[in-house]
Amino acid sequence: MSKTQSRFTGISKCVLSMTVLFGLVGSLRAAKAPQWAIDLYEAHTYEEMDYRLLRPLDFDAKKRYPVILSLHGGSGRSNKNIRNLRKWNTQLADGRLQDYPCYVLAPQTPKGWTPAELTKCKAIISGLPSVDLNRIYIMGHSMGGAGTYKFIQADPDYFAAAVSSAGRGIKASNIKDGLNLWIFHGENDGTISIDHSHTLFAEMQAAGKPMKFTMIHKFAHGSSHAILEKEVGASGHESGYDAEWKRLVSFETKSSTGDTDPEPNVLKWMFSKSLDGSAVKGK
């Protein structure tokens, strides 16, 4: 029995109806998430903000655990505490974190991401048992990518690493020196133009600030699910098979400075970051 299966055993099964909205090239379509994944994310509410929480595998109170803060896009806006789970939330629950046990916090907002939501998320995180506050990471797509930018500006000393997909709304001058930042964007995004990411990358280069920028070739707005599917490379082109859309995906990753971390795997890259300089090592 796998760790994911053993973790699922014993969890009470309630009947939930869920739709996760994610992008297809040039359009959006709805897909139903696996029930086991929904059940693994506990449903909670804090000060009228709904959120889902995935707890670490094989929890040990003597250890300290990182947190991934996952921000949904515009299609996740609701107050039903279901559509906030993105495709990558299923990926993270499906064994992706066996080497890196951590919490995954997926809040939901009915409007948009503001510093008020960040304050609530920080309160939730501070109350988690055995949490490592030096290893708080953030991932967001579309509106969540813009929310990622808002959050790292609102509290630049809180996050050890940030991943933004199809985001916009930030300038290099507003990014903390030394922040570990990796951004992704579909080449053919017609919802939020990739020009926003090209501009940010150019600004980061000019400022001498480290950042990684991955362009996902021939993908439109709904490209975030591909981020965890393949090692997307440190420079040049890498291709991988996208299991979701059953086709090859081509990535082009470049770094803004010569000392940017070249690690090609997103999770390995993320979990190697810590505010105190130490790293989370896989098993």
C-alpha atoms as a PDB file:
ATOM      1  CA  MET A   1       0.000   0.000   0.000  1.00  0.00           C
ATOM      2  CA  SER A   2       1.414   3.414  -0.983  1.00  0.00           C
ATOM      3  CA  LYS A   3       1.788   6.279   1.466  1.00  0.00           C
ATOM      4  CA  THR A   4      -0.946   8.158  -0.357  1.00  0.00           C
ATOM      5  CA  GLN A   5      -3.305   5.196  -0.068  1.00  0.00           C
ATOM      6  CA  SER A   6      -2.450   4.569   3.587  1.00  0.00           C
ATOM      7  CA  ARG A   7      -2.972   8.225   4.302  1.00  0.00           C
ATOM      8  CA  PHE A   8      -6.405   8.054   2.693  1.00  0.00           C
ATOM      9  CA  THR A   9      -7.405   5.016   4.798  1.00  0.00           C
ATOM     10  CA  GLY A  10      -9.472   6.004   7.799  1.00  0.00           C
ATOM     11  CA  ILE A  11     -10.453   9.432   6.475  1.00  0.00           C
ATOM     12  CA  SER A  12     -14.198   9.852   6.701  1.00  0.00           C
ATOM     13  CA  LYS A  13     -15.737   9.967   3.229  1.00  0.00           C
ATOM     14  CA  CYS A  14     -18.358  12.638   2.790  1.00  0.00           C
ATOM     15  CA  VAL A  15     -20.154  13.168  -0.462  1.00  0.00           C
ATOM     16  CA  LEU A  16     -18.892  16.369  -2.065  1.00  0.00           C
ATOM     17  CA  SER A  17     -19.492  17.785  -5.506  1.00  0.00           C
ATOM     18  CA  MET A  18     -16.407  19.495  -6.867  1.00  0.00           C
ATOM     19  CA  THR A  19     -15.366  21.238 -10.000  1.00  0.00           C
ATOM     20  CA  VAL A  20     -11.782  22.366 -10.549  1.00  0.00           C
ATOM     21  CA  LEU A  21     -11.431  24.862 -13.372  1.00  0.00           C
ATOM     22  CA  PHE A  22      -8.195  24.710 -15.294  1.00  0.00           C
ATOM     23  CA  GLY A  23      -7.055  25.971 -18.629  1.00  0.00           C
ATOM     24  CA  LEU A  24      -6.910  24.233 -21.988  1.00  0.00           C
ATOM     25  CA  VAL A  25      -4.963  25.745 -24.859  1.00  0.00           C
ATOM     26  CA  GLY A  26      -7.061  28.658 -26.070  1.00  0.00           C
ATOM     27  CA  SER A  27     -10.057  27.875 -23.810  1.00  0.00           C
ATOM     28  CA  LEU A  28     -11.235  26.806 -20.360  1.00  0.00           C
ATOM     29  CA  ARG A  29     -12.898  23.565 -19.432  1.00  0.00           C
ATOM     30  CA  ALA A  30     -14.214  22.076 -16.208  1.00  0.00           C
ATOM     31  CA  ALA A  31     -12.933  18.848 -14.679  1.00  0.00           C
ATOM     32  CA  LYS A  32     -13.900  16.906 -11.623  1.00  0.00           C
ATOM     33  CA  ALA A  33     -11.099  16.334  -9.148  1.00  0.00           C
ATOM     34  CA  PRO A  34     -10.540  12.877  -7.645  1.00  0.00           C
ATOM     35  CA  GLN A  35     -12.571  12.397  -4.483  1.00  0.00           C
ATOM     36  CA  TRP A  36      -9.546  11.054  -2.610  1.00  0.00           C
ATOM     37  CA  ALA A  37      -7.719  14.351  -3.207  1.00  0.00           C
ATOM     38  CA  ILE A  38     -10.625  16.435  -1.957  1.00  0.00           C
ATOM     39  CA  ASP A  39     -10.928  14.307   1.158  1.00  0.00           C
ATOM     40  CA  LEU A  40      -7.241  14.752   1.955  1.00  0.00           C
ATOM     41  CA  TYR A  41      -7.622  18.531   2.068  1.00  0.00           C
ATOM     42  CA  GLU A  42      -9.448  19.338   5.305  1.00  0.00           C
ATOM     43  CA  ALA A  43     -12.132  22.029   5.034  1.00  0.00           C
ATOM     44  CA  HIS A  44     -11.879  24.894   7.541  1.00  0.00           C
ATOM     45  CA  THR A  45     -12.939  28.507   8.024  1.00  0.00           C
ATOM     46  CA  TYR A  46     -10.978  31.257   9.762  1.00  0.00           C
ATOM     47  CA  GLU A  47     -12.547  34.689  10.324  1.00  0.00           C
ATOM     48  CA  GLU A  48     -14.989  34.125   7.445  1.00  0.00           C
ATOM     49  CA  MET A  49     -12.203  32.999   5.091  1.00  0.00           C
ATOM     50  CA  ASP A  50     -12.654  29.434   3.868  1.00  0.00           C
ATOM     51  CA  TYR A  51      -9.563  27.332   3.317  1.00  0.00           C
ATOM     52  CA  ARG A  52      -8.375  23.802   2.669  1.00  0.00           C
ATOM     53  CA  LEU A  53      -5.442  22.230   4.483  1.00  0.00           C
ATOM     54  CA  LEU A  54      -3.260  19.287   3.516  1.00  0.00           C
ATOM     55  CA  ARG A  55      -1.212  18.000   6.441  1.00  0.00           C
ATOM     56  CA  PRO A  56       2.306  16.501   6.265  1.00  0.00           C
ATOM     57  CA  LEU A  57       2.765  12.827   5.507  1.00  0.00           C
ATOM     58  CA  ASP A  58       3.844  10.741   8.515  1.00  0.00           C
ATOM     59  CA  PHE A  59       3.538  13.692  10.872  1.00  0.00           C
ATOM     60  CA  ASP A  60       6.103  13.728  13.674  1.00  0.00           C
ATOM     61  CA  ALA A  61       5.661  16.387  16.356  1.00  0.00           C
ATOM     62  CA  LYS A  62       9.424  16.438  16.915  1.00  0.00           C
ATOM     63  CA  LYS A  63      10.032  17.722  13.384  1.00  0.00           C
ATOM     64  CA  ARG A  64       9.315  21.114  11.849  1.00  0.00           C
ATOM     65  CA  TYR A  65       7.375  21.351   8.608  1.00  0.00           C
ATOM     66  CA  PRO A  66       7.359  23.901   5.772  1.00  0.00           C
ATOM     67  CA  VAL A  67       4.169  25.367   4.334  1.00  0.00           C
ATOM     68  CA  ILE A  68       3.086  25.911   0.731  1.00  0.00           C
ATOM     69  CA  LEU A  69       0.506  28.685   0.442  1.00  0.00           C
ATOM     70  CA  SER A  70      -1.528  28.004  -2.721  1.00  0.00           C
ATOM     71  CA  LEU A  71      -3.523  30.865  -4.270  1.00  0.00           C
ATOM     72  CA  HIS A  72      -6.280  30.101  -6.778  1.00  0.00           C
ATOM     73  CA  GLY A  73      -7.095  32.171  -9.838  1.00  0.00           C
ATOM     74  CA  GLY A  74     -10.291  33.942 -10.827  1.00  0.00           C
ATOM     75  CA  SER A  75     -12.109  30.699 -11.635  1.00  0.00           C
ATOM     76  CA  GLY A  76     -11.697  29.658  -8.004  1.00  0.00           C
ATOM     77  CA  ARG A  77     -13.564  32.640  -6.583  1.00  0.00           C
ATOM     78  CA  SER A  78     -16.443  31.368  -4.477  1.00  0.00           C
ATOM     79  CA  ASN A  79     -17.492  30.756  -0.894  1.00  0.00           C
ATOM     80  CA  LYS A  80     -18.018  27.001  -1.171  1.00  0.00           C
ATOM     81  CA  ASN A  81     -14.430  26.012  -0.241  1.00  0.00           C
ATOM     82  CA  ILE A  82     -14.025  23.635  -3.188  1.00  0.00           C
ATOM     83  CA  ARG A  83     -12.886  25.472  -6.300  1.00  0.00           C
ATOM     84  CA  ASN A  84      -9.835  26.846  -4.483  1.00  0.00           C
ATOM     85  CA  LEU A  85      -8.100  23.514  -5.097  1.00  0.00           C
ATOM     86  CA  ARG A  86      -6.054  23.875  -8.283  1.00  0.00           C
ATOM     87  CA  LYS A  87      -4.750  21.038 -10.411  1.00  0.00           C
ATOM     88  CA  TRP A  88      -1.416  21.299  -8.633  1.00  0.00           C
ATOM     89  CA  ASN A  89      -3.181  20.712  -5.315  1.00  0.00           C
ATOM     90  CA  THR A  90      -4.140  17.261  -6.592  1.00  0.00           C
ATOM     91  CA  GLN A  91      -0.592  16.760  -7.844  1.00  0.00           C
ATOM     92  CA  LEU A  92       0.829  17.691  -4.440  1.00  0.00           C
ATOM     93  CA  ALA A  93      -1.498  15.257  -2.689  1.00  0.00           C
ATOM     94  CA  ASP A  94      -0.683  12.475  -5.151  1.00  0.00           C
ATOM     95  CA  GLY A  95       2.719  11.531  -3.790  1.00  0.00           C
ATOM     96  CA  ARG A  96       4.611  14.616  -4.961  1.00  0.00           C
ATOM     97  CA  LEU A  97       5.401  15.508  -1.354  1.00  0.00           C
ATOM     98  CA  GLN A  98       6.595  12.115  -0.131  1.00  0.00           C
ATOM     99  CA  ASP A  99      10.170  13.388  -0.180  1.00  0.00           C
ATOM    100  CA  TYR A 100       9.199  16.773   1.240  1.00  0.00           C
ATOM    101  CA  PRO A 101       6.490  16.461   3.911  1.00  0.00           C
ATOM    102  CA  CYS A 102       4.819  19.809   4.470  1.00  0.00           C
ATOM    103  CA  TYR A 103       1.538  21.623   4.941  1.00  0.00           C
ATOM    104  CA  VAL A 104      -0.364  22.925   1.915  1.00  0.00           C
ATOM    105  CA  LEU A 105      -2.738  25.790   2.689  1.00  0.00           C
ATOM    106  CA  ALA A 106      -5.299  26.675  -0.003  1.00  0.00           C
ATOM    107  CA  PRO A 107      -7.415  29.668   1.069  1.00  0.00           C
ATOM    108  CA  GLN A 108     -10.396  30.936  -0.910  1.00  0.00           C
ATOM    109  CA  THR A 109     -11.460  34.475  -1.662  1.00  0.00           C
ATOM    110  CA  PRO A 110     -14.755  35.480  -3.322  1.00  0.00           C
ATOM    111  CA  LYS A 111     -13.241  38.664  -4.776  1.00  0.00           C
ATOM    112  CA  GLY A 112      -9.472  39.026  -4.967  1.00  0.00           C
ATOM    113  CA  TRP A 113      -6.246  38.673  -2.995  1.00  0.00           C
ATOM    114  CA  THR A 114      -5.429  41.546  -0.636  1.00  0.00           C
ATOM    115  CA  PRO A 115      -3.141  42.015   2.378  1.00  0.00           C
ATOM    116  CA  ALA A 116      -6.168  41.169   4.551  1.00  0.00           C
ATOM    117  CA  GLU A 117      -6.135  37.582   3.239  1.00  0.00           C
ATOM    118  CA  LEU A 118      -2.394  37.388   3.859  1.00  0.00           C
ATOM    119  CA  THR A 119      -2.911  38.434   7.482  1.00  0.00           C
ATOM    120  CA  LYS A 120      -5.444  35.632   7.939  1.00  0.00           C
ATOM    121  CA  CYS A 121      -3.190  33.093   6.240  1.00  0.00           C
ATOM    122  CA  LYS A 122      -0.310  34.049   8.508  1.00  0.00           C
ATOM    123  CA  ALA A 123      -2.520  33.572  11.558  1.00  0.00           C
ATOM    124  CA  ILE A 124      -3.563  30.114  10.346  1.00  0.00           C
ATOM    125  CA  ILE A 125       0.035  29.140   9.627  1.00  0.00           C
ATOM    126  CA  SER A 126       1.297  30.350  13.005  1.00  0.00           C
ATOM    127  CA  GLY A 127      -1.243  28.079  14.688  1.00  0.00           C
ATOM    128  CA  LEU A 128      -0.192  24.908  12.877  1.00  0.00           C
ATOM    129  CA  PRO A 129       1.694  22.365  14.998  1.00  0.00           C
ATOM    130  CA  SER A 130       5.418  21.974  14.364  1.00  0.00           C
ATOM    131  CA  VAL A 131       5.499  24.557  11.588  1.00  0.00           C
ATOM    132  CA  ASP A 132       8.806  25.932  10.282  1.00  0.00           C
ATOM    133  CA  LEU A 133       8.326  29.668   9.829  1.00  0.00           C
ATOM    134  CA  ASN A 134      11.639  29.917   7.983  1.00  0.00           C
ATOM    135  CA  ARG A 135      10.200  27.810   5.171  1.00  0.00           C
ATOM    136  CA  ILE A 136       6.979  29.414   3.994  1.00  0.00           C
ATOM    137  CA  TYR A 137       6.491  29.125   0.230  1.00  0.00           C
ATOM    138  CA  ILE A 138       3.824  30.592  -2.049  1.00  0.00           C
ATOM    139  CA  MET A 139       2.392  29.492  -5.403  1.00  0.00           C
ATOM    140  CA  GLY A 140      -0.339  31.224  -7.388  1.00  0.00           C
ATOM    141  CA  HIS A 141      -1.843  31.189 -10.886  1.00  0.00           C
ATOM    142  CA  SER A 142      -3.474  34.068 -12.808  1.00  0.00           C
ATOM    143  CA  MET A 143      -5.294  36.094 -10.143  1.00  0.00           C
ATOM    144  CA  GLY A 144      -3.318  33.936  -7.717  1.00  0.00           C
ATOM    145  CA  GLY A 145      -0.108  34.846  -9.540  1.00  0.00           C
ATOM    146  CA  ALA A 146      -0.990  38.504  -9.083  1.00  0.00           C
ATOM    147  CA  GLY A 147      -1.856  37.663  -5.476  1.00  0.00           C
ATOM    148  CA  THR A 148       1.572  36.110  -5.056  1.00  0.00           C
ATOM    149  CA  TYR A 149       3.099  39.403  -6.156  1.00  0.00           C
ATOM    150  CA  LYS A 150       0.851  41.323  -3.757  1.00  0.00           C
ATOM    151  CA  PHE A 151       1.763  39.074  -0.844  1.00  0.00           C
ATOM    152  CA  ILE A 152       5.538  39.226  -1.372  1.00  0.00           C
ATOM    153  CA  GLN A 153       5.249  43.014  -1.456  1.00  0.00           C
ATOM    154  CA  ALA A 154       2.992  43.197   1.606  1.00  0.00           C
ATOM    155  CA  ASP A 155       5.445  41.181   3.714  1.00  0.00           C
ATOM    156  CA  PRO A 156       8.752  40.757   1.854  1.00  0.00           C
ATOM    157  CA  ASP A 157      10.439  39.006   4.775  1.00  0.00           C
ATOM    158  CA  TYR A 158       7.833  36.276   5.226  1.00  0.00           C
ATOM    159  CA  PHE A 159       8.369  33.999   2.227  1.00  0.00           C
ATOM    160  CA  ALA A 160      11.435  31.881   1.529  1.00  0.00           C
ATOM    161  CA  ALA A 161      10.431  31.273  -2.111  1.00  0.00           C
ATOM    162  CA  ALA A 162       7.671  32.281  -4.507  1.00  0.00           C
ATOM    163  CA  VAL A 163       6.280  30.749  -7.716  1.00  0.00           C
ATOM    164  CA  SER A 164       3.964  32.801  -9.910  1.00  0.00           C
ATOM    165  CA  SER A 165       2.103  31.457 -12.949  1.00  0.00           C
ATOM    166  CA  ALA A 166       0.520  33.834 -15.484  1.00  0.00           C
ATOM    167  CA  GLY A 167       0.829  36.718 -13.054  1.00  0.00           C
ATOM    168  CA  ARG A 168       1.088  40.477 -13.473  1.00  0.00           C
ATOM    169  CA  GLY A 169       1.180  43.665 -11.453  1.00  0.00           C
ATOM    170  CA  ILE A 170       4.678  43.991  -9.991  1.00  0.00           C
ATOM    171  CA  LYS A 171       7.895  45.835 -10.773  1.00  0.00           C
ATOM    172  CA  ALA A 172      11.408  44.662 -10.047  1.00  0.00           C
ATOM    173  CA  SER A 173      11.912  47.655  -7.757  1.00  0.00           C
ATOM    174  CA  ASN A 174       9.196  46.263  -5.467  1.00  0.00           C
ATOM    175  CA  ILE A 175      10.775  42.827  -5.136  1.00  0.00           C
ATOM    176  CA  LYS A 176      13.023  42.225  -2.163  1.00  0.00           C
ATOM    177  CA  ASP A 177      16.694  41.737  -2.995  1.00  0.00           C
ATOM    178  CA  GLY A 178      17.546  38.056  -2.789  1.00  0.00           C
ATOM    179  CA  LEU A 179      13.971  36.746  -2.876  1.00  0.00           C
ATOM    180  CA  ASN A 180      13.835  33.319  -4.504  1.00  0.00           C
ATOM    181  CA  LEU A 181      11.378  33.877  -7.368  1.00  0.00           C
ATOM    182  CA  TRP A 182      10.416  31.611 -10.275  1.00  0.00           C
ATOM    183  CA  ILE A 183       7.729  32.719 -12.723  1.00  0.00           C
ATOM    184  CA  PHE A 184       5.896  30.756 -15.439  1.00  0.00           C
ATOM    185  CA  HIS A 185       3.797  31.897 -18.372  1.00  0.00           C
ATOM    186  CA  GLY A 186       2.112  30.281 -21.359  1.00  0.00           C
ATOM    187  CA  GLU A 187       3.528  31.603 -24.625  1.00  0.00           C
ATOM    188  CA  ASN A 188       0.080  32.082 -26.167  1.00  0.00           C
ATOM    189  CA  ASP A 189      -1.719  33.427 -23.104  1.00  0.00           C
ATOM    190  CA  GLY A 190      -4.578  35.586 -24.355  1.00  0.00           C
ATOM    191  CA  THR A 191      -5.957  36.340 -20.893  1.00  0.00           C
ATOM    192  CA  ILE A 192      -2.859  37.790 -19.235  1.00  0.00           C
ATOM    193  CA  SER A 193      -0.235  38.552 -21.844  1.00  0.00           C
ATOM    194  CA  ILE A 194       3.188  36.988 -21.446  1.00  0.00           C
ATOM    195  CA  ASP A 195       4.540  40.494 -22.088  1.00  0.00           C
ATOM    196  CA  HIS A 196       3.999  41.175 -18.372  1.00  0.00           C
ATOM    197  CA  SER A 197       6.482  38.429 -17.496  1.00  0.00           C
ATOM    198  CA  HIS A 198       8.942  39.436 -20.229  1.00  0.00           C
ATOM    199  CA  THR A 199       8.934  42.982 -18.871  1.00  0.00           C
ATOM    200  CA  LEU A 200       9.488  41.843 -15.290  1.00  0.00           C
ATOM    201  CA  PHE A 201      12.343  39.580 -16.347  1.00  0.00           C
ATOM    202  CA  ALA A 202      14.044  42.439 -18.213  1.00  0.00           C
ATOM    203  CA  GLU A 203      13.677  44.679 -15.159  1.00  0.00           C
ATOM    204  CA  MET A 204      15.145  41.995 -12.881  1.00  0.00           C
ATOM    205  CA  GLN A 205      18.077  41.545 -15.260  1.00  0.00           C
ATOM    206  CA  ALA A 206      18.746  45.275 -15.327  1.00  0.00           C
ATOM    207  CA  ALA A 207      18.567  45.447 -11.526  1.00  0.00           C
ATOM    208  CA  GLY A 208      20.839  42.428 -11.072  1.00  0.00           C
ATOM    209  CA  LYS A 209      18.192  40.597  -9.071  1.00  0.00           C
ATOM    210  CA  PRO A 210      17.920  36.790  -9.333  1.00  0.00           C
ATOM    211  CA  MET A 211      14.809  35.323 -10.933  1.00  0.00           C
ATOM    212  CA  LYS A 212      13.921  32.337 -13.100  1.00  0.00           C
ATOM    213  CA  PHE A 213      11.473  32.717 -15.981  1.00  0.00           C
ATOM    214  CA  THR A 214       9.962  29.702 -17.740  1.00  0.00           C
ATOM    215  CA  MET A 215       7.944  30.134 -20.912  1.00  0.00           C
ATOM    216  CA  ILE A 216       5.643  27.217 -21.726  1.00  0.00           C
ATOM    217  CA  HIS A 217       5.571  27.001 -25.502  1.00  0.00           C
ATOM    218  CA  LYS A 218       2.257  26.804 -27.386  1.00  0.00           C
ATOM    219  CA  PHE A 219       0.222  26.974 -24.172  1.00  0.00           C
ATOM    220  CA  ALA A 220      -2.385  29.606 -23.454  1.00  0.00           C
ATOM    221  CA  HIS A 221      -3.640  30.745 -20.045  1.00  0.00           C
ATOM    222  CA  GLY A 222      -4.322  27.334 -18.512  1.00  0.00           C
ATOM    223  CA  SER A 223      -0.740  26.163 -18.202  1.00  0.00           C
ATOM    224  CA  SER A 224      -0.189  26.021 -14.456  1.00  0.00           C
ATOM    225  CA  HIS A 225      -0.750  22.261 -14.209  1.00  0.00           C
ATOM    226  CA  ALA A 226       2.419  21.696 -16.269  1.00  0.00           C
ATOM    227  CA  ILE A 227       4.686  23.283 -13.657  1.00  0.00           C
ATOM    228  CA  LEU A 228       5.012  20.140 -11.535  1.00  0.00           C
ATOM    229  CA  GLU A 229       4.816  17.646 -14.408  1.00  0.00           C
ATOM    230  CA  LYS A 230       8.436  17.833 -15.534  1.00  0.00           C
ATOM    231  CA  GLU A 231      11.837  19.136 -14.618  1.00  0.00           C
ATOM    232  CA  VAL A 232      11.576  22.324 -16.603  1.00  0.00           C
ATOM    233  CA  GLY A 233      15.263  23.140 -16.806  1.00  0.00           C
ATOM    234  CA  ALA A 234      17.563  25.931 -15.722  1.00  0.00           C
ATOM    235  CA  SER A 235      18.314  27.318 -19.171  1.00  0.00           C
ATOM    236  CA  GLY A 236      17.578  26.563 -22.775  1.00  0.00           C
ATOM    237  CA  HIS A 237      14.783  24.202 -23.784  1.00  0.00           C
ATOM    238  CA  GLU A 238      13.389  21.141 -22.044  1.00  0.00           C
ATOM    239  CA  SER A 239      10.532  18.993 -23.265  1.00  0.00           C
ATOM    240  CA  GLY A 240       8.296  16.714 -21.271  1.00  0.00           C
ATOM    241  CA  TYR A 241       5.130  14.714 -21.706  1.00  0.00           C
ATOM    242  CA  ASP A 242       2.090  16.426 -20.236  1.00  0.00           C
ATOM    243  CA  ALA A 243      -0.072  13.668 -18.771  1.00  0.00           C
ATOM    244  CA  GLU A 244      -3.071  15.995 -18.431  1.00  0.00           C
ATOM    245  CA  TRP A 245      -3.337  16.957 -22.097  1.00  0.00           C
ATOM    246  CA  LYS A 246      -1.494  13.891 -23.443  1.00  0.00           C
ATOM    247  CA  ARG A 247       1.033  15.766 -25.516  1.00  0.00           C
ATOM    248  CA  LEU A 248       4.601  16.973 -25.386  1.00  0.00           C
ATOM    249  CA  VAL A 249       5.269  20.264 -23.664  1.00  0.00           C
ATOM    250  CA  SER A 250       8.264  22.426 -24.446  1.00  0.00           C
ATOM    251  CA  PHE A 251       9.684  24.728 -21.788  1.00  0.00           C
ATOM    252  CA  GLU A 252      12.214  27.520 -22.144  1.00  0.00           C
ATOM    253  CA  THR A 253      13.786  28.623 -18.865  1.00  0.00           C
ATOM    254  CA  LYS A 254      16.216  31.474 -18.398  1.00  0.00           C
ATOM    255  CA  SER A 255      17.829  33.159 -15.406  1.00  0.00           C
ATOM    256  CA  SER A 256      18.190  36.875 -14.798  1.00  0.00           C
ATOM    257  CA  THR A 257      21.613  36.598 -13.152  1.00  0.00           C
ATOM    258  CA  GLY A 258      24.565  34.247 -13.339  1.00  0.00           C
ATOM    259  CA  ASP A 259      24.178  33.143  -9.731  1.00  0.00           C
ATOM    260  CA  THR A 260      20.495  32.138  -9.972  1.00  0.00           C
ATOM    261  CA  ASP A 261      19.921  28.618  -8.636  1.00  0.00           C
ATOM    262  CA  PRO A 262      19.976  26.266 -11.687  1.00  0.00           C
ATOM    263  CA  GLU A 263      17.932  23.475 -10.045  1.00  0.00           C
ATOM    264  CA  PRO A 264      15.486  22.299 -12.763  1.00  0.00           C
ATOM    265  CA  ASN A 265      12.885  20.636 -10.525  1.00  0.00           C
ATOM    266  CA  VAL A 266      10.371  23.071  -9.048  1.00  0.00           C
ATOM    267  CA  LEU A 267       9.810  21.220  -5.768  1.00  0.00           C
ATOM    268  CA  LYS A 268      13.513  20.554  -5.205  1.00  0.00           C
ATOM    269  CA  TRP A 269      14.215  24.195  -5.947  1.00  0.00           C
ATOM    270  CA  MET A 270      11.479  25.410  -3.618  1.00  0.00           C
ATOM    271  CA  PHE A 271      12.255  23.185  -0.663  1.00  0.00           C
ATOM    272  CA  SER A 272      15.944  24.050  -0.780  1.00  0.00           C
ATOM    273  CA  LYS A 273      15.060  27.617   0.222  1.00  0.00           C
ATOM    274  CA  SER A 274      14.930  28.876   3.786  1.00  0.00           C
ATOM    275  CA  LEU A 275      15.065  32.280   5.411  1.00  0.00           C
ATOM    276  CA  ASP A 276      17.798  31.040   7.734  1.00  0.00           C
ATOM    277  CA  GLY A 277      19.867  29.554   4.914  1.00  0.00           C
ATOM    278  CA  SER A 278      19.297  25.895   5.770  1.00  0.00           C
ATOM    279  CA  ALA A 279      17.574  23.461   3.403  1.00  0.00           C
ATOM    280  CA  VAL A 280      14.906  20.799   3.512  1.00  0.00           C
ATOM    281  CA  LYS A 281      16.425  17.603   2.195  1.00  0.00           C
ATOM    282  CA  GLY A 282      14.429  14.856   0.579  1.00  0.00           C
ATOM    283  CA  LYS A 283      14.390  11.372   2.016  1.00  0.00           C
END
